N, C-alpha and C. Protein backbone atom coordinates (compact mmCIF):
# COMPACT_ATOMS: atom_id res chain seq x y z
N MET A 1 117.71 91.11 81.20
CA MET A 1 116.92 90.75 82.36
C MET A 1 116.93 89.23 82.51
N ASP A 2 117.09 88.79 83.73
CA ASP A 2 117.09 87.38 84.08
C ASP A 2 115.75 86.75 83.70
N GLN A 3 115.78 85.57 83.08
CA GLN A 3 114.54 84.91 82.65
C GLN A 3 113.64 84.56 83.84
N HIS A 4 114.25 84.24 84.99
CA HIS A 4 113.46 83.95 86.19
C HIS A 4 112.61 85.16 86.58
N ILE A 5 113.23 86.32 86.57
CA ILE A 5 112.52 87.55 86.94
C ILE A 5 111.39 87.81 85.95
N LYS A 6 111.69 87.66 84.67
CA LYS A 6 110.67 87.90 83.64
C LYS A 6 109.50 86.92 83.80
N LYS A 7 109.82 85.66 84.07
CA LYS A 7 108.79 84.64 84.23
C LYS A 7 107.92 84.91 85.45
N VAL A 8 108.53 85.36 86.55
CA VAL A 8 107.81 85.61 87.79
C VAL A 8 106.97 86.88 87.74
N TYR A 9 107.48 87.91 87.07
CA TYR A 9 106.82 89.24 87.15
C TYR A 9 106.04 89.66 85.91
N VAL A 10 106.15 88.94 84.81
CA VAL A 10 105.40 89.36 83.62
C VAL A 10 104.62 88.17 83.08
N PRO A 11 103.28 88.18 83.13
CA PRO A 11 102.44 89.23 83.70
C PRO A 11 102.53 89.22 85.22
N MET A 12 102.29 90.37 85.82
CA MET A 12 102.41 90.46 87.27
C MET A 12 101.05 90.58 87.93
N THR A 13 101.04 90.28 89.21
CA THR A 13 99.81 90.41 89.99
C THR A 13 99.51 91.90 90.19
N GLU A 14 98.26 92.18 90.51
CA GLU A 14 97.90 93.57 90.81
C GLU A 14 98.69 94.09 91.99
N THR A 15 98.88 93.23 92.98
CA THR A 15 99.65 93.64 94.16
C THR A 15 101.05 94.08 93.77
N ALA A 16 101.75 93.26 92.99
CA ALA A 16 103.10 93.60 92.55
C ALA A 16 103.10 94.87 91.73
N PHE A 17 102.13 95.01 90.84
CA PHE A 17 102.04 96.20 89.99
C PHE A 17 101.92 97.46 90.85
N TYR A 18 100.99 97.46 91.79
CA TYR A 18 100.79 98.65 92.62
C TYR A 18 101.99 98.93 93.51
N ILE A 19 102.62 97.88 94.04
CA ILE A 19 103.80 98.10 94.88
C ILE A 19 104.89 98.78 94.07
N LEU A 20 105.20 98.25 92.90
CA LEU A 20 106.26 98.86 92.07
C LEU A 20 105.89 100.28 91.67
N LEU A 21 104.64 100.48 91.30
CA LEU A 21 104.18 101.82 90.92
C LEU A 21 104.37 102.81 92.08
N CYS A 22 104.02 102.37 93.28
CA CYS A 22 104.13 103.25 94.44
C CYS A 22 105.57 103.48 94.90
N LEU A 23 106.45 102.55 94.58
CA LEU A 23 107.83 102.68 95.05
C LEU A 23 108.76 103.41 94.07
N ARG A 24 108.18 104.13 93.13
CA ARG A 24 109.02 104.98 92.29
C ARG A 24 109.64 106.08 93.14
N LYS A 25 109.01 106.33 94.29
CA LYS A 25 109.58 107.22 95.32
C LYS A 25 109.64 106.39 96.59
N PRO A 26 110.62 106.64 97.45
CA PRO A 26 110.74 105.85 98.68
C PRO A 26 109.45 105.86 99.50
N ASN A 27 109.08 104.69 100.02
CA ASN A 27 107.85 104.58 100.80
C ASN A 27 107.93 103.33 101.68
N HIS A 28 107.03 103.24 102.63
CA HIS A 28 106.94 102.08 103.52
C HIS A 28 105.62 101.36 103.23
N GLY A 29 105.48 100.17 103.80
CA GLY A 29 104.32 99.34 103.53
C GLY A 29 102.98 100.02 103.76
N TYR A 30 102.82 100.64 104.90
CA TYR A 30 101.54 101.30 105.19
C TYR A 30 101.30 102.46 104.21
N GLY A 31 102.36 103.16 103.84
CA GLY A 31 102.22 104.25 102.86
C GLY A 31 101.75 103.72 101.51
N ILE A 32 102.24 102.54 101.14
CA ILE A 32 101.82 101.92 99.88
C ILE A 32 100.34 101.56 99.96
N VAL A 33 99.93 100.96 101.07
CA VAL A 33 98.52 100.60 101.26
C VAL A 33 97.64 101.84 101.09
N GLN A 34 98.03 102.93 101.70
CA GLN A 34 97.25 104.18 101.60
C GLN A 34 97.22 104.71 100.17
N MET A 35 98.37 104.69 99.49
CA MET A 35 98.42 105.19 98.11
C MET A 35 97.53 104.37 97.18
N VAL A 36 97.58 103.05 97.33
CA VAL A 36 96.78 102.17 96.46
C VAL A 36 95.30 102.39 96.71
N GLU A 37 94.93 102.50 97.96
CA GLU A 37 93.53 102.74 98.29
C GLU A 37 93.05 104.06 97.68
N LYS A 38 93.88 105.09 97.75
CA LYS A 38 93.54 106.39 97.18
C LYS A 38 93.48 106.33 95.65
N MET A 39 94.50 105.69 95.03
CA MET A 39 94.55 105.57 93.56
C MET A 39 93.33 104.88 92.99
N THR A 40 92.84 103.86 93.73
CA THR A 40 91.75 103.03 93.22
C THR A 40 90.41 103.40 93.83
N ASP A 41 90.34 104.58 94.46
CA ASP A 41 89.11 105.03 95.12
C ASP A 41 88.55 103.96 96.06
N GLY A 42 89.44 103.28 96.76
CA GLY A 42 89.03 102.29 97.75
C GLY A 42 88.69 100.92 97.19
N ALA A 43 88.77 100.75 95.88
CA ALA A 43 88.42 99.47 95.27
C ALA A 43 89.43 98.37 95.63
N ILE A 44 90.67 98.76 95.87
CA ILE A 44 91.70 97.79 96.23
C ILE A 44 92.36 98.21 97.52
N ARG A 45 92.35 97.28 98.47
CA ARG A 45 93.03 97.50 99.75
C ARG A 45 93.95 96.31 99.96
N LEU A 46 95.24 96.57 99.96
CA LEU A 46 96.23 95.52 100.11
C LEU A 46 96.26 95.05 101.56
N ALA A 47 96.13 93.76 101.77
CA ALA A 47 96.18 93.19 103.11
C ALA A 47 97.63 93.19 103.60
N PRO A 48 97.85 93.41 104.89
CA PRO A 48 99.22 93.46 105.42
C PRO A 48 100.05 92.22 105.11
N GLY A 49 99.47 91.04 105.25
CA GLY A 49 100.22 89.81 104.97
C GLY A 49 100.67 89.73 103.53
N THR A 50 99.78 90.07 102.63
CA THR A 50 100.10 90.09 101.21
C THR A 50 101.17 91.13 100.92
N MET A 51 100.99 92.31 101.49
CA MET A 51 101.92 93.42 101.28
C MET A 51 103.33 93.06 101.73
N TYR A 52 103.46 92.63 102.97
CA TYR A 52 104.80 92.41 103.51
C TYR A 52 105.45 91.16 102.93
N GLY A 53 104.65 90.16 102.57
CA GLY A 53 105.19 89.00 101.87
C GLY A 53 105.74 89.40 100.50
N SER A 54 105.00 90.25 99.81
CA SER A 54 105.42 90.74 98.49
C SER A 54 106.68 91.59 98.59
N LEU A 55 106.72 92.49 99.57
CA LEU A 55 107.90 93.34 99.75
C LEU A 55 109.15 92.49 99.99
N SER A 56 109.01 91.48 100.83
CA SER A 56 110.14 90.60 101.13
C SER A 56 110.62 89.87 99.89
N LYS A 57 109.68 89.31 99.12
CA LYS A 57 110.04 88.59 97.90
C LYS A 57 110.67 89.53 96.87
N MET A 58 110.08 90.70 96.73
CA MET A 58 110.58 91.66 95.75
C MET A 58 111.98 92.16 96.11
N GLU A 59 112.23 92.32 97.40
CA GLU A 59 113.57 92.73 97.82
C GLU A 59 114.57 91.62 97.52
N LYS A 60 114.18 90.38 97.79
CA LYS A 60 115.04 89.22 97.50
C LYS A 60 115.34 89.14 96.00
N ASP A 61 114.33 89.44 95.17
CA ASP A 61 114.49 89.39 93.71
C ASP A 61 115.17 90.64 93.15
N LYS A 62 115.47 91.60 94.02
CA LYS A 62 116.17 92.83 93.65
C LYS A 62 115.38 93.76 92.72
N VAL A 63 114.05 93.69 92.79
CA VAL A 63 113.24 94.65 92.03
C VAL A 63 112.92 95.88 92.88
N ILE A 64 113.08 95.72 94.20
CA ILE A 64 113.03 96.86 95.12
C ILE A 64 114.22 96.73 96.07
N ARG A 65 114.53 97.82 96.76
CA ARG A 65 115.63 97.76 97.72
C ARG A 65 115.23 98.51 98.98
N PHE A 66 115.78 98.04 100.09
CA PHE A 66 115.62 98.71 101.38
C PHE A 66 116.46 99.98 101.34
N VAL A 67 115.88 101.11 101.71
CA VAL A 67 116.58 102.39 101.67
C VAL A 67 117.04 102.80 103.07
N ARG A 68 116.10 102.77 104.02
CA ARG A 68 116.41 103.18 105.39
C ARG A 68 115.23 102.83 106.29
N GLU A 69 115.43 103.06 107.58
CA GLU A 69 114.34 102.86 108.53
C GLU A 69 114.00 104.20 109.17
N GLU A 70 112.70 104.47 109.25
CA GLU A 70 112.21 105.71 109.86
C GLU A 70 111.11 105.33 110.85
N GLU A 71 111.30 105.68 112.10
CA GLU A 71 110.30 105.41 113.12
C GLU A 71 109.80 103.96 113.06
N LYS A 72 110.73 103.03 113.02
CA LYS A 72 110.46 101.58 112.98
C LYS A 72 109.76 101.13 111.71
N ARG A 73 109.76 101.94 110.69
CA ARG A 73 109.18 101.56 109.39
C ARG A 73 110.29 101.43 108.37
N LYS A 74 110.26 100.32 107.64
CA LYS A 74 111.26 100.11 106.58
C LYS A 74 110.82 100.85 105.33
N ILE A 75 111.72 101.63 104.78
CA ILE A 75 111.46 102.41 103.57
C ILE A 75 112.13 101.67 102.40
N TYR A 76 111.34 101.47 101.34
CA TYR A 76 111.82 100.79 100.15
C TYR A 76 111.72 101.70 98.94
N GLN A 77 112.46 101.35 97.88
CA GLN A 77 112.36 102.06 96.61
C GLN A 77 112.60 101.07 95.48
N ILE A 78 111.98 101.32 94.35
CA ILE A 78 112.14 100.47 93.17
C ILE A 78 113.59 100.58 92.67
N THR A 79 114.11 99.48 92.13
CA THR A 79 115.46 99.46 91.55
C THR A 79 115.36 99.65 90.04
N ASP A 80 116.50 99.75 89.38
CA ASP A 80 116.49 99.83 87.91
C ASP A 80 115.84 98.58 87.31
N LEU A 81 116.13 97.42 87.89
CA LEU A 81 115.50 96.18 87.42
C LEU A 81 113.99 96.25 87.61
N GLY A 82 113.56 96.75 88.75
CA GLY A 82 112.13 96.91 89.00
C GLY A 82 111.46 97.84 88.01
N LEU A 83 112.14 98.93 87.68
CA LEU A 83 111.60 99.86 86.67
C LEU A 83 111.48 99.18 85.31
N GLU A 84 112.46 98.36 84.98
CA GLU A 84 112.43 97.63 83.71
C GLU A 84 111.24 96.66 83.68
N VAL A 85 111.03 95.95 84.78
CA VAL A 85 109.91 95.02 84.89
C VAL A 85 108.58 95.78 84.82
N LEU A 86 108.48 96.90 85.51
CA LEU A 86 107.26 97.71 85.49
C LEU A 86 106.97 98.21 84.07
N GLN A 87 107.99 98.63 83.34
CA GLN A 87 107.80 99.09 81.96
C GLN A 87 107.31 97.95 81.06
N LEU A 88 107.86 96.75 81.24
CA LEU A 88 107.38 95.60 80.46
C LEU A 88 105.90 95.35 80.72
N GLU A 89 105.51 95.41 81.99
CA GLU A 89 104.11 95.18 82.34
C GLU A 89 103.22 96.29 81.79
N LEU A 90 103.66 97.52 81.86
CA LEU A 90 102.87 98.63 81.30
C LEU A 90 102.68 98.46 79.79
N LYS A 91 103.72 98.04 79.09
CA LYS A 91 103.60 97.80 77.64
C LYS A 91 102.62 96.67 77.37
N ARG A 92 102.64 95.63 78.20
CA ARG A 92 101.71 94.51 78.04
C ARG A 92 100.27 94.98 78.23
N ILE A 93 100.03 95.78 79.26
CA ILE A 93 98.69 96.30 79.54
C ILE A 93 98.23 97.22 78.41
N GLU A 94 99.12 98.08 77.93
CA GLU A 94 98.78 98.97 76.81
C GLU A 94 98.42 98.16 75.56
N ARG A 95 99.15 97.09 75.31
CA ARG A 95 98.87 96.24 74.15
C ARG A 95 97.49 95.60 74.29
N LEU A 96 97.16 95.11 75.48
CA LEU A 96 95.84 94.53 75.72
C LEU A 96 94.74 95.56 75.49
N TYR A 97 94.95 96.75 76.00
CA TYR A 97 93.97 97.82 75.84
C TYR A 97 93.79 98.17 74.36
N LYS A 98 94.89 98.30 73.65
CA LYS A 98 94.84 98.66 72.23
C LYS A 98 94.09 97.59 71.43
N ILE A 99 94.39 96.34 71.68
CA ILE A 99 93.71 95.25 70.96
C ILE A 99 92.21 95.28 71.26
N THR A 100 91.85 95.49 72.52
CA THR A 100 90.45 95.54 72.91
C THR A 100 89.74 96.70 72.21
N GLN A 101 90.35 97.86 72.19
CA GLN A 101 89.75 99.04 71.54
C GLN A 101 89.57 98.78 70.04
N GLU A 102 90.55 98.17 69.40
CA GLU A 102 90.45 97.88 67.96
C GLU A 102 89.31 96.90 67.69
N GLU A 103 89.17 95.90 68.54
CA GLU A 103 88.09 94.92 68.36
C GLU A 103 86.72 95.60 68.50
N ILE A 104 86.60 96.48 69.48
CA ILE A 104 85.33 97.19 69.68
C ILE A 104 85.04 98.11 68.49
N GLN A 105 86.04 98.84 68.02
CA GLN A 105 85.86 99.75 66.88
C GLN A 105 85.52 99.00 65.61
N ASN A 106 85.99 97.77 65.48
CA ASN A 106 85.71 96.95 64.29
C ASN A 106 84.43 96.16 64.41
N GLY A 107 83.66 96.43 65.48
CA GLY A 107 82.38 95.76 65.65
C GLY A 107 82.51 94.32 66.11
N ASN A 108 83.61 93.98 66.70
CA ASN A 108 83.83 92.59 67.13
C ASN A 108 83.69 92.42 68.63
N GLU A 109 82.90 93.29 69.28
CA GLU A 109 82.82 93.22 70.73
C GLU A 109 82.21 91.91 71.25
N GLU A 110 81.44 91.24 70.39
CA GLU A 110 80.86 89.96 70.86
C GLU A 110 81.95 88.91 71.06
N ARG A 111 83.13 89.13 70.48
CA ARG A 111 84.24 88.19 70.67
C ARG A 111 85.04 88.50 71.92
N ILE A 112 84.72 89.62 72.56
CA ILE A 112 85.48 90.02 73.76
C ILE A 112 84.80 89.48 75.00
């Protein structure tokens, strides 16, 4: 993996994380917004400017790719590079969670 990509995407923003997660299957921007809102019970709503700016950057970085256009909507899907980046981020999050759980179990929650 290119060091630039690793530096830019790990750790990644919540927006980037949700976009990559949602694009494991082809989808368009509005579909991603709906999926994220549903996944997070409305706690996170991606703004259109943020969404489309991120999609453009991610396509340029080749972590997602344009698949086709349907009814004037651009459909995107995650690439192999994007999956690799998403897996790195998931491992990072799992490591953070594991460390936090160990600290709590060891009675060190005041340090958290």
